[in-house]
Protein backbone atom coordinates (compact mmCIF):
# COMPACT_ATOMS: atom_id res chain seq x y z
CA UNK A 1 -44.62 -0.64 -38.94
CA UNK A 2 -41.54 0.11 -36.88
CA UNK A 3 -39.78 1.67 -39.89
CA UNK A 4 -42.47 4.32 -40.13
CA UNK A 5 -42.67 4.98 -36.40
CA UNK A 6 -39.06 5.99 -35.79
CA UNK A 7 -38.54 9.74 -35.83
CA UNK A 8 -34.92 9.28 -37.00
CA UNK A 9 -35.74 7.30 -40.09
CA UNK A 10 -32.42 7.60 -41.94
CA UNK A 11 -30.25 6.54 -39.00
CA UNK A 12 -32.69 3.79 -38.07
CA UNK A 13 -32.74 2.28 -41.56
CA UNK A 14 -28.96 2.46 -41.90
CA UNK A 15 -28.27 0.80 -38.57
CA UNK A 16 -31.07 -1.70 -39.13
CA UNK A 17 -29.47 -2.81 -42.38
CA UNK A 18 -26.12 -3.22 -40.59
CA UNK A 19 -27.78 -5.16 -37.81
CA UNK A 20 -29.53 -7.50 -40.27
CA UNK A 21 -26.27 -8.07 -42.13
CA UNK A 22 -24.52 -8.81 -38.83
CA UNK A 23 -27.26 -11.26 -37.86
CA UNK A 24 -26.97 -13.04 -41.20
CA UNK A 25 -23.20 -13.36 -40.80
CA UNK A 26 -23.25 -14.78 -37.27
CA UNK A 27 -26.12 -17.14 -38.05
CA UNK A 28 -24.53 -18.33 -41.30
CA UNK A 29 -21.20 -19.15 -39.66
CA UNK A 30 -22.91 -22.05 -37.87
CA UNK A 31 -22.90 -23.99 -41.16
CA UNK A 32 -19.13 -24.28 -41.01
CA UNK A 33 -18.98 -26.04 -37.65
CA UNK A 34 -15.72 -25.50 -35.75
CA UNK A 35 -14.34 -23.37 -38.58
CA UNK A 36 -17.22 -20.93 -38.09
CA UNK A 37 -17.58 -20.82 -34.31
CA UNK A 38 -15.61 -22.69 -31.68
CA UNK A 39 -18.92 -23.79 -30.13
CA UNK A 40 -22.51 -24.02 -31.34
CA UNK A 41 -24.63 -21.01 -30.40
CA UNK A 42 -28.42 -20.74 -30.61
CA UNK A 43 -28.66 -17.47 -32.59
CA UNK A 44 -32.20 -16.99 -33.90
CA UNK A 45 -34.56 -14.36 -35.27
CA UNK A 46 -35.63 -13.51 -31.72
CA UNK A 47 -32.16 -12.03 -31.15
CA UNK A 48 -32.63 -9.82 -34.19
CA UNK A 49 -36.16 -8.79 -33.21
CA UNK A 50 -35.14 -7.77 -29.71
CA UNK A 51 -32.10 -5.92 -31.07
CA UNK A 52 -34.32 -3.94 -33.46
CA UNK A 53 -36.55 -2.94 -30.55
CA UNK A 54 -33.51 -1.85 -28.52
CA UNK A 55 -32.23 0.13 -31.51
CA UNK A 56 -35.59 1.89 -31.89
CA UNK A 57 -35.73 2.77 -28.18
CA UNK A 58 -32.15 4.07 -28.12
CA UNK A 59 -32.63 6.26 -31.19
CA UNK A 60 -35.84 7.71 -29.81
CA UNK A 61 -34.25 8.46 -26.42
CA UNK A 62 -30.95 10.02 -27.60
CA UNK A 63 -30.24 13.05 -29.76
CA UNK A 64 -26.98 11.50 -31.03
CA UNK A 65 -26.56 7.90 -32.14
CA UNK A 66 -24.91 6.09 -29.20
CA UNK A 67 -22.63 3.89 -31.34
CA UNK A 68 -20.57 2.46 -28.49
CA UNK A 69 -23.67 1.68 -26.45
CA UNK A 70 -25.38 -0.05 -29.36
CA UNK A 71 -22.32 -2.13 -30.25
CA UNK A 72 -21.96 -3.14 -26.60
CA UNK A 73 -25.63 -4.08 -26.24
CA UNK A 74 -25.69 -6.13 -29.43
CA UNK A 75 -22.23 -7.68 -29.14
CA UNK A 76 -22.05 -8.36 -25.41
CA UNK A 77 -25.66 -8.77 -24.33
CA UNK A 78 -28.06 -9.66 -27.16
CA UNK A 79 -25.80 -11.90 -29.22
CA UNK A 80 -22.87 -12.07 -26.83
CA UNK A 81 -25.10 -13.52 -24.16
CA UNK A 82 -25.02 -16.78 -26.11
CA UNK A 83 -21.26 -16.72 -26.68
CA UNK A 84 -19.07 -18.49 -24.15
CA UNK A 85 -15.74 -18.65 -25.99
CA UNK A 86 -13.41 -15.62 -25.76
CA UNK A 87 -12.27 -15.86 -29.38
CA UNK A 88 -15.84 -16.09 -30.60
CA UNK A 89 -16.77 -13.04 -28.50
CA UNK A 90 -13.85 -11.16 -30.00
CA UNK A 91 -15.01 -12.07 -33.51
CA UNK A 92 -18.54 -10.91 -32.72
CA UNK A 93 -17.26 -7.54 -31.47
CA UNK A 94 -15.07 -7.17 -34.56
CA UNK A 95 -18.03 -7.75 -36.86
CA UNK A 96 -20.02 -5.07 -35.07
CA UNK A 97 -17.15 -2.58 -35.11
CA UNK A 98 -16.85 -3.10 -38.84
CA UNK A 99 -20.56 -3.03 -39.70
CA UNK A 100 -21.83 -0.37 -37.29
CA UNK A 101 -19.90 2.84 -37.83
CA UNK A 102 -21.01 6.45 -38.02
CA UNK A 103 -19.48 6.98 -41.47
CA UNK A 104 -21.50 4.29 -43.26
């Protein structure tokens, strides 16, 4: 339903795909233990669901896509809120910088 409700459908779908890919990457790294993350983090589908709602609200409220704001919210608050290790936080930010760009 949320895909049809967003007035900026193209941007929403593009960023949503990037966000889902990001979620899959951070969740999948748990399988590799200390080689994936330095600590275990409780990433779950609730993080993705809330992030999608934030994305929808930000796109509806802004005329331009606020890339920096979105990367900060997802990387430092939504997912980063679980992360306690500095290197893991850096990796999370790097993933978002790579996956969420205006030219994709």
